[in-house]
Amino acid sequence: MWYECNNNWHYFGMHGFWWLFWIIALIVIFLVLKPYLINKKEKDSSLEILRRKYASGNISTEEYEERKRILENE
């Protein structure tokens, strides 16, 4: 068993390598997905504001449809 012998530090080294690998992998995945998630959140909030303006009667149906089409294409 590896824990009984003090000369087998290579097990710890490989274990540490995998911890480091997964931490770096998760950070990279987060950094790649972050801009997409932020963009989607901003777009959703813009559509929500547009829906509120339409529901309150501040804009016409034609203007609502045009702005909605523009926001969805971004």
Protein backbone atom coordinates (compact mmCIF):
# COMPACT_ATOMS: atom_id res chain seq x y z
CA MET A 1 0.00 0.00 0.00
CA TRP A 2 1.37 3.35 -1.01
CA TYR A 3 0.61 5.14 2.25
CA GLU A 4 2.83 2.77 4.23
CA CYS A 5 5.97 3.70 2.34
CA ASN A 6 7.37 7.22 2.54
CA ASN A 7 9.34 6.86 -0.68
CA ASN A 8 6.32 6.80 -2.98
CA TRP A 9 5.70 10.52 -3.39
CA HIS A 10 4.86 10.05 -7.08
CA TYR A 11 1.29 9.18 -6.10
CA PHE A 12 0.87 12.54 -4.41
CA GLY A 13 2.39 14.31 -7.39
CA MET A 14 -0.06 12.75 -9.82
CA HIS A 15 -2.95 13.47 -7.48
CA GLY A 16 -1.88 17.11 -7.25
CA PHE A 17 -1.55 17.27 -11.04
CA TRP A 18 -5.15 16.15 -11.55
CA TRP A 19 -6.47 18.65 -9.00
CA LEU A 20 -4.58 21.41 -10.78
CA PHE A 21 -5.80 20.18 -14.18
CA TRP A 22 -9.48 20.22 -13.19
CA ILE A 23 -9.26 23.60 -11.47
CA ILE A 24 -7.66 25.16 -14.57
CA ALA A 25 -10.20 23.42 -16.84
CA LEU A 26 -13.13 24.80 -14.82
CA ILE A 27 -11.67 28.31 -14.85
CA VAL A 28 -11.19 28.18 -18.64
CA ILE A 29 -14.74 26.88 -19.19
CA PHE A 30 -16.13 29.64 -16.97
CA LEU A 31 -14.14 32.34 -18.79
CA VAL A 32 -15.31 31.04 -22.19
CA LEU A 33 -19.00 30.89 -21.19
CA LYS A 34 -19.13 34.12 -19.17
CA PRO A 35 -19.45 36.56 -22.13
CA TYR A 36 -22.21 34.42 -23.67
CA LEU A 37 -24.17 34.31 -20.42
CA ILE A 38 -23.80 38.06 -19.82
CA ASN A 39 -24.91 38.85 -23.39
CA LYS A 40 -27.96 36.62 -23.07
CA LYS A 41 -28.94 38.25 -19.77
CA GLU A 42 -28.67 41.75 -21.26
CA LYS A 43 -30.72 40.75 -24.29
CA ASP A 44 -33.42 39.23 -22.10
CA SER A 45 -33.62 42.35 -19.98
CA SER A 46 -33.93 44.53 -23.11
CA LEU A 47 -36.78 42.37 -24.38
CA GLU A 48 -38.46 42.58 -20.98
CA ILE A 49 -38.29 46.38 -21.04
CA LEU A 50 -39.73 46.37 -24.55
CA ARG A 51 -42.59 44.10 -23.45
CA ARG A 52 -43.39 46.41 -20.54
CA LYS A 53 -43.48 49.46 -22.83
CA TYR A 54 -45.80 47.64 -25.22
CA ALA A 55 -48.05 46.40 -22.41
CA SER A 56 -48.36 49.90 -20.97
CA GLY A 57 -49.27 51.32 -24.39
CA ASN A 58 -46.21 53.53 -24.83
CA ILE A 59 -45.36 52.01 -28.24
CA SER A 60 -47.47 50.72 -31.14
CA THR A 61 -47.67 47.11 -32.31
CA GLU A 62 -45.62 47.86 -35.42
CA GLU A 63 -42.89 49.56 -33.40
CA TYR A 64 -42.89 46.67 -30.91
CA GLU A 65 -42.52 44.05 -33.66
CA GLU A 66 -39.71 46.00 -35.36
CA ARG A 67 -37.72 46.53 -32.17
CA LYS A 68 -38.28 42.94 -31.08
CA ARG A 69 -36.94 41.67 -34.42
CA ILE A 70 -33.86 43.90 -34.07
CA LEU A 71 -33.16 42.74 -30.51
CA GLU A 72 -33.56 39.06 -31.38
CA ASN A 73 -31.15 39.32 -34.32
CA GLU A 74 -28.32 40.76 -32.18
